[in-house]
Protein backbone atom coordinates (compact mmCIF):
# COMPACT_ATOMS: atom_id res chain seq x y z
CA MET A 1 40.92 125.28 108.85
CA VAL A 2 39.62 128.76 109.52
CA GLU A 3 36.38 127.62 109.28
CA GLY A 4 36.40 124.63 111.44
CA ARG A 5 36.76 122.10 108.27
CA PRO A 6 40.42 121.47 105.81
CA VAL A 7 38.92 121.46 102.22
CA TRP A 8 40.48 122.29 99.13
CA HIS A 9 39.30 124.69 97.17
CA ASP A 10 40.02 125.04 93.76
CA SER A 11 40.29 128.17 91.68
CA THR A 12 39.65 128.99 88.36
CA PRO A 13 42.63 131.23 87.17
CA LEU A 14 41.72 134.50 86.71
CA PRO A 15 43.46 137.90 84.80
CA TRP A 16 46.50 138.57 87.33
CA ALA A 17 45.00 141.86 88.65
CA ASP A 18 41.83 139.90 89.21
CA GLU A 19 44.54 137.57 91.13
CA VAL A 20 46.28 140.42 92.99
CA VAL A 21 42.50 141.03 94.23
CA ARG A 22 41.91 137.48 95.89
CA PHE A 23 45.02 137.26 97.16
CA HIS A 24 44.91 140.45 99.39
CA ARG A 25 40.64 139.62 100.24
CA ALA A 26 41.83 136.13 101.27
CA ILE A 27 44.99 137.61 103.66
CA GLY A 28 42.54 140.53 104.91
CA ASP A 29 39.66 137.22 105.43
CA LEU A 30 42.60 135.16 106.94
CA ASP A 31 43.27 137.94 109.41
CA ALA A 32 40.33 139.38 110.06
CA ALA A 33 39.43 135.49 111.48
CA ILE A 34 42.46 135.15 113.56
CA ALA A 35 41.89 138.46 114.95
CA HIS A 36 38.91 137.60 115.81
CA LYS A 37 39.66 134.04 116.68
CA ASP A 38 37.17 132.98 119.26
CA ALA A 39 34.07 133.46 117.18
CA ALA A 40 35.50 132.44 113.84
CA LEU A 41 38.54 129.96 114.38
CA SER A 42 35.60 126.97 115.42
CA ASP A 43 37.63 124.05 116.21
CA THR A 44 41.21 125.43 114.93
CA THR A 45 43.84 127.06 116.56
CA ALA A 46 45.57 130.45 115.51
CA GLU A 47 48.76 128.24 116.64
CA LYS A 48 47.26 125.47 114.20
CA LEU A 49 47.04 127.73 111.50
CA PHE A 50 50.27 129.18 111.64
CA GLN A 51 52.01 125.26 112.09
CA GLY A 52 49.97 124.15 109.05
CA PRO A 53 49.42 126.01 106.32
CA ILE A 54 50.62 129.56 107.36
CA ALA A 55 54.29 127.83 107.06
CA ASP A 56 53.62 125.94 104.56
CA ALA A 57 52.92 129.18 102.44
CA LEU A 58 55.99 130.64 103.37
CA THR A 59 57.84 127.56 102.71
CA HIS A 60 56.87 127.46 99.17
CA THR A 61 57.17 131.43 98.85
CA GLY A 62 61.05 130.50 100.09
CA GLN A 63 61.43 128.03 97.11
CA ILE A 64 59.75 130.06 94.05
CA GLY A 65 62.86 133.07 95.48
CA LEU A 66 64.91 130.24 94.92
CA LEU A 67 63.67 128.90 91.37
CA ARG A 68 64.07 132.97 90.65
CA ARG A 69 67.47 132.76 91.42
CA MET A 70 68.45 129.88 89.61
CA ALA A 71 66.65 131.36 86.52
CA GLY A 72 68.49 134.56 86.92
CA TYR A 73 66.04 136.97 88.45
CA PRO A 74 65.93 137.24 92.09
CA VAL A 75 64.10 139.04 94.32
CA LYS A 76 64.83 141.41 96.22
CA GLY A 77 65.59 140.97 99.96
CA GLU A 78 64.57 142.81 102.91
CA ASN A 79 64.76 143.26 106.44
CA TYR A 80 61.46 142.55 108.26
CA ALA A 81 62.16 142.96 111.54
CA VAL A 82 62.83 147.57 110.10
CA ALA A 83 59.93 146.61 107.66
CA GLU A 84 56.57 148.74 108.81
CA ILE A 85 54.27 146.20 109.46
CA VAL A 86 50.51 147.50 110.44
CA ILE A 87 47.68 144.76 112.26
CA GLY A 88 45.48 144.91 110.32
CA ARG A 89 46.51 146.22 106.56
CA THR A 90 45.96 143.91 104.45
CA GLY A 91 45.47 145.20 101.03
CA ALA A 92 48.53 146.78 98.40
CA GLU A 93 48.86 149.86 99.94
CA GLN A 94 51.86 148.94 101.94
CA ALA A 95 54.95 151.13 102.96
CA ALA A 96 58.04 150.77 100.61
CA PRO A 97 60.97 148.68 101.89
CA ARG A 98 63.16 150.34 104.57
CA ARG A 99 65.96 148.37 103.83
CA GLU A 100 67.58 145.16 101.62
CA PHE A 101 70.15 142.94 103.07
């Protein structure tokens, strides 16, 4: 959608460490496209991206958290209102959680 056409990409699974790198690269590419939306977003808008695929990804993240709790492996909660969030920092080098709920 960022490039102006909704296309599904099937990817061959890689080893975990390589998947983590691919994930952070994709998030970085998305961040750059949204930051430079006039040139990069083509026929869509940042609002449509957040309303559609980004909201969908967050829904699935919540579902995975729910399934982990049901299986006895809960994910620790974090208060994102006080988290150190830095624009453009999309790689693995993130700040440690500040406070758990």
